[in-house]
Each structure stands twice: as structure tokens, then as C-alpha cells.
N, C-alpha and C. Protein backbone atom coordinates (compact mmCIF):
# COMPACT_ATOMS: atom_id res chain seq x y z
N MET A 1 0.86 -1.18 0.00
CA MET A 1 0.00 0.00 0.00
C MET A 1 0.89 1.23 0.00
N ARG A 2 0.45 2.23 -0.77
CA ARG A 2 1.15 3.51 -0.75
C ARG A 2 0.11 4.62 -0.70
N GLU A 3 0.50 5.74 -0.13
CA GLU A 3 -0.43 6.86 0.01
C GLU A 3 0.30 8.16 -0.25
N SER A 4 -0.36 9.05 -0.99
CA SER A 4 0.20 10.36 -1.28
C SER A 4 -0.93 11.32 -1.64
N GLY A 5 -0.96 12.46 -1.00
CA GLY A 5 -1.95 13.48 -1.32
C GLY A 5 -3.38 13.03 -1.15
N GLY A 6 -3.63 12.14 -0.24
CA GLY A 6 -4.98 11.64 -0.01
C GLY A 6 -5.39 10.49 -0.90
N VAL A 7 -4.49 10.05 -1.79
CA VAL A 7 -4.77 8.91 -2.67
C VAL A 7 -4.04 7.69 -2.13
N THR A 8 -4.79 6.62 -1.88
CA THR A 8 -4.22 5.37 -1.40
C THR A 8 -4.35 4.32 -2.50
N VAL A 9 -3.23 3.70 -2.83
CA VAL A 9 -3.21 2.65 -3.84
C VAL A 9 -2.80 1.35 -3.15
N SER A 10 -3.62 0.32 -3.30
CA SER A 10 -3.37 -0.97 -2.64
C SER A 10 -3.33 -2.08 -3.68
N LEU A 11 -2.47 -3.05 -3.44
CA LEU A 11 -2.34 -4.21 -4.32
C LEU A 11 -2.76 -5.44 -3.53
N PHE A 12 -3.73 -6.19 -4.08
CA PHE A 12 -4.25 -7.37 -3.41
C PHE A 12 -4.09 -8.59 -4.31
N TRP A 13 -3.82 -9.72 -3.68
CA TRP A 13 -3.76 -11.00 -4.38
C TRP A 13 -4.56 -12.00 -3.57
N SER A 14 -5.43 -12.73 -4.24
CA SER A 14 -6.23 -13.77 -3.60
C SER A 14 -5.60 -15.12 -3.89
N ARG A 15 -5.21 -15.80 -2.86
CA ARG A 15 -4.64 -17.13 -3.02
C ARG A 15 -5.69 -18.11 -3.55
N VAL A 16 -6.92 -17.93 -3.12
CA VAL A 16 -8.01 -18.84 -3.51
C VAL A 16 -8.33 -18.71 -4.99
N THR A 17 -8.49 -17.46 -5.48
CA THR A 17 -8.88 -17.25 -6.88
C THR A 17 -7.70 -16.94 -7.79
N ASN A 18 -6.55 -16.64 -7.21
CA ASN A 18 -5.35 -16.23 -7.93
C ASN A 18 -5.57 -14.94 -8.72
N LEU A 19 -6.50 -14.10 -8.26
CA LEU A 19 -6.75 -12.81 -8.90
C LEU A 19 -5.93 -11.72 -8.21
N VAL A 20 -5.43 -10.80 -9.03
CA VAL A 20 -4.71 -9.63 -8.52
C VAL A 20 -5.58 -8.41 -8.78
N THR A 21 -5.73 -7.58 -7.76
CA THR A 21 -6.55 -6.38 -7.85
C THR A 21 -5.75 -5.19 -7.34
N VAL A 22 -5.87 -4.07 -8.04
CA VAL A 22 -5.32 -2.81 -7.58
C VAL A 22 -6.50 -1.92 -7.24
N ALA A 23 -6.54 -1.44 -6.00
CA ALA A 23 -7.63 -0.57 -5.54
C ALA A 23 -7.08 0.83 -5.29
N VAL A 24 -7.84 1.82 -5.73
CA VAL A 24 -7.44 3.22 -5.56
C VAL A 24 -8.56 3.95 -4.83
N ALA A 25 -8.21 4.57 -3.72
CA ALA A 25 -9.17 5.36 -2.94
C ALA A 25 -8.63 6.77 -2.81
N ASP A 26 -9.43 7.74 -3.23
CA ASP A 26 -9.05 9.15 -3.16
C ASP A 26 -9.93 9.81 -2.12
N SER A 27 -9.39 10.06 -0.94
CA SER A 27 -10.17 10.63 0.15
C SER A 27 -10.50 12.10 -0.07
N VAL A 28 -9.74 12.78 -0.91
CA VAL A 28 -10.01 14.19 -1.20
C VAL A 28 -11.24 14.32 -2.09
N ASN A 29 -11.34 13.47 -3.10
CA ASN A 29 -12.45 13.53 -4.06
C ASN A 29 -13.56 12.53 -3.77
N ASP A 30 -13.43 11.76 -2.70
CA ASP A 30 -14.39 10.69 -2.39
C ASP A 30 -14.59 9.76 -3.58
N ASP A 31 -13.49 9.37 -4.21
CA ASP A 31 -13.54 8.51 -5.38
C ASP A 31 -12.86 7.18 -5.07
N TYR A 32 -13.32 6.11 -5.71
CA TYR A 32 -12.76 4.78 -5.48
C TYR A 32 -12.96 3.95 -6.74
N PHE A 33 -11.96 3.19 -7.12
CA PHE A 33 -12.13 2.22 -8.18
C PHE A 33 -11.16 1.06 -7.97
N GLU A 34 -11.48 -0.06 -8.61
CA GLU A 34 -10.64 -1.25 -8.55
C GLU A 34 -10.35 -1.71 -9.97
N LEU A 35 -9.15 -2.21 -10.16
CA LEU A 35 -8.75 -2.80 -11.43
C LEU A 35 -8.40 -4.26 -11.17
N ILE A 36 -9.11 -5.16 -11.80
CA ILE A 36 -8.81 -6.59 -11.70
C ILE A 36 -7.92 -6.94 -12.89
N LEU A 37 -6.75 -7.43 -12.58
CA LEU A 37 -5.77 -7.69 -13.62
C LEU A 37 -5.98 -9.05 -14.27
N ASP A 38 -5.66 -9.10 -15.55
CA ASP A 38 -5.67 -10.41 -16.20
C ASP A 38 -4.26 -10.99 -16.11
N GLU A 39 -4.09 -12.20 -16.57
CA GLU A 39 -2.81 -12.89 -16.41
C GLU A 39 -1.67 -12.27 -17.20
N PHE A 40 -1.98 -11.41 -18.17
CA PHE A 40 -0.95 -10.82 -19.00
C PHE A 40 -0.52 -9.43 -18.54
N GLU A 41 -1.22 -8.85 -17.56
CA GLU A 41 -0.88 -7.51 -17.09
C GLU A 41 0.17 -7.58 -15.98
N SER A 42 1.04 -6.60 -15.98
CA SER A 42 2.06 -6.50 -14.94
C SER A 42 1.45 -5.84 -13.71
N ALA A 43 1.41 -6.58 -12.60
CA ALA A 43 0.84 -6.04 -11.37
C ALA A 43 1.59 -4.79 -10.92
N LEU A 44 2.90 -4.81 -11.04
CA LEU A 44 3.69 -3.66 -10.61
C LEU A 44 3.41 -2.44 -11.48
N ASP A 45 3.23 -2.64 -12.78
CA ASP A 45 2.94 -1.52 -13.67
C ASP A 45 1.57 -0.92 -13.36
N VAL A 46 0.58 -1.75 -13.14
CA VAL A 46 -0.77 -1.26 -12.80
C VAL A 46 -0.75 -0.57 -11.45
N TYR A 47 -0.02 -1.12 -10.49
CA TYR A 47 0.11 -0.53 -9.16
C TYR A 47 0.77 0.85 -9.25
N ASN A 48 1.80 0.97 -10.08
CA ASN A 48 2.51 2.25 -10.20
C ASN A 48 1.77 3.28 -11.04
N HIS A 49 0.90 2.84 -11.94
CA HIS A 49 0.20 3.76 -12.84
C HIS A 49 -1.29 3.43 -12.95
N PRO A 50 -2.01 3.39 -11.82
CA PRO A 50 -3.41 2.94 -11.86
C PRO A 50 -4.32 3.87 -12.65
N PHE A 51 -4.07 5.17 -12.63
CA PHE A 51 -4.96 6.08 -13.35
C PHE A 51 -4.79 5.92 -14.86
N ALA A 52 -3.58 5.67 -15.32
CA ALA A 52 -3.35 5.43 -16.75
C ALA A 52 -4.05 4.15 -17.19
N HIS A 53 -3.96 3.11 -16.39
CA HIS A 53 -4.61 1.84 -16.73
C HIS A 53 -6.14 1.98 -16.67
N ALA A 54 -6.63 2.75 -15.71
CA ALA A 54 -8.08 2.98 -15.63
C ALA A 54 -8.56 3.72 -16.87
N ALA A 55 -7.83 4.74 -17.29
CA ALA A 55 -8.21 5.51 -18.48
C ALA A 55 -8.15 4.63 -19.73
N ALA A 56 -7.15 3.77 -19.82
CA ALA A 56 -7.04 2.88 -20.98
C ALA A 56 -8.20 1.90 -21.06
N ARG A 57 -8.79 1.57 -19.92
CA ARG A 57 -9.96 0.68 -19.89
C ARG A 57 -11.27 1.43 -20.07
N GLY A 58 -11.19 2.75 -20.14
CA GLY A 58 -12.40 3.54 -20.29
C GLY A 58 -13.12 3.79 -18.97
N LEU A 59 -12.45 3.53 -17.87
CA LEU A 59 -13.04 3.73 -16.56
C LEU A 59 -13.02 5.22 -16.23
N GLU A 60 -14.19 5.75 -15.91
CA GLU A 60 -14.28 7.17 -15.59
C GLU A 60 -14.21 7.36 -14.09
N PHE A 61 -13.55 8.41 -13.69
CA PHE A 61 -13.44 8.73 -12.28
C PHE A 61 -13.35 10.24 -12.15
N SER A 62 -13.66 10.74 -10.99
CA SER A 62 -13.65 12.18 -10.74
C SER A 62 -12.22 12.69 -10.67
N THR A 63 -12.02 13.89 -11.17
CA THR A 63 -10.71 14.52 -11.04
C THR A 63 -10.73 15.59 -9.96
N ARG A 64 -11.90 15.91 -9.49
CA ARG A 64 -12.02 16.86 -8.37
C ARG A 64 -13.35 16.61 -7.69
N ARG A 65 -13.47 17.09 -6.48
CA ARG A 65 -14.69 16.91 -5.70
C ARG A 65 -15.84 17.66 -6.39
N PRO A 66 -16.96 17.00 -6.61
CA PRO A 66 -18.10 17.68 -7.23
C PRO A 66 -18.64 18.78 -6.35
N GLU A 67 -19.12 19.81 -6.98
CA GLU A 67 -19.73 20.92 -6.22
C GLU A 67 -21.05 20.44 -5.62
N PRO A 68 -21.34 20.86 -4.39
CA PRO A 68 -22.61 20.45 -3.80
C PRO A 68 -23.79 21.04 -4.57
N GLU A 69 -24.83 20.25 -4.66
CA GLU A 69 -26.03 20.72 -5.35
C GLU A 69 -26.79 21.66 -4.44
N VAL A 70 -27.30 22.73 -5.03
CA VAL A 70 -28.10 23.68 -4.27
C VAL A 70 -29.55 23.49 -4.69
N LEU A 71 -30.36 23.18 -3.72
CA LEU A 71 -31.79 22.99 -4.01
C LEU A 71 -32.52 24.28 -3.69
N LEU A 72 -33.25 24.75 -4.67
CA LEU A 72 -34.02 25.97 -4.45
C LEU A 72 -35.36 25.64 -3.85
N ASP A 73 -35.78 26.45 -2.91
CA ASP A 73 -37.08 26.24 -2.27
C ASP A 73 -38.16 26.60 -3.27
N ALA A 74 -39.05 25.67 -3.54
CA ALA A 74 -40.10 25.88 -4.54
C ALA A 74 -41.26 26.67 -3.97
N ALA A 75 -41.32 26.91 -2.69
CA ALA A 75 -42.45 27.58 -2.08
C ALA A 75 -42.39 29.08 -2.18
């Protein structure tokens, strides 16, 4: 696990399923995503560059905290 600027990147391996997952949690933007690697992907490369791999897969994520919605009183 590594953390920088509120972004935590974790690398997980399941002995039972033999799946490798990279999880990214951004506490600043309240964003989270996981990348499940296939057998041909380099776990270290995905761990070091998770946003590039997410973008290559077409995974969308926030780049900044969304502005709060303002509800107008209808009365």
C-alpha cells in the first residue's frame, strides 16, 4: 500500500482465486475504483500507474470533488 496526497493505492492478491486487484481510494475527491488484472498484465505496472490503466480501460473517475447541489425552495 502507498499513500500520497490523499490517494491510497493498494495491491491485493487472492490465493483462492489467484486474482490480482489494484484498488485506488481518493479521500479528497471521495472517489474509489478497482482494477482486476488479467494474467498478461504486470501487477507492478498497474500498481505504479493505476490512473493510466483505468483511463485505458475507459473507466471514468472524478478529477475533483463535485460541487454540492443547491436545491431551491419551490415555495
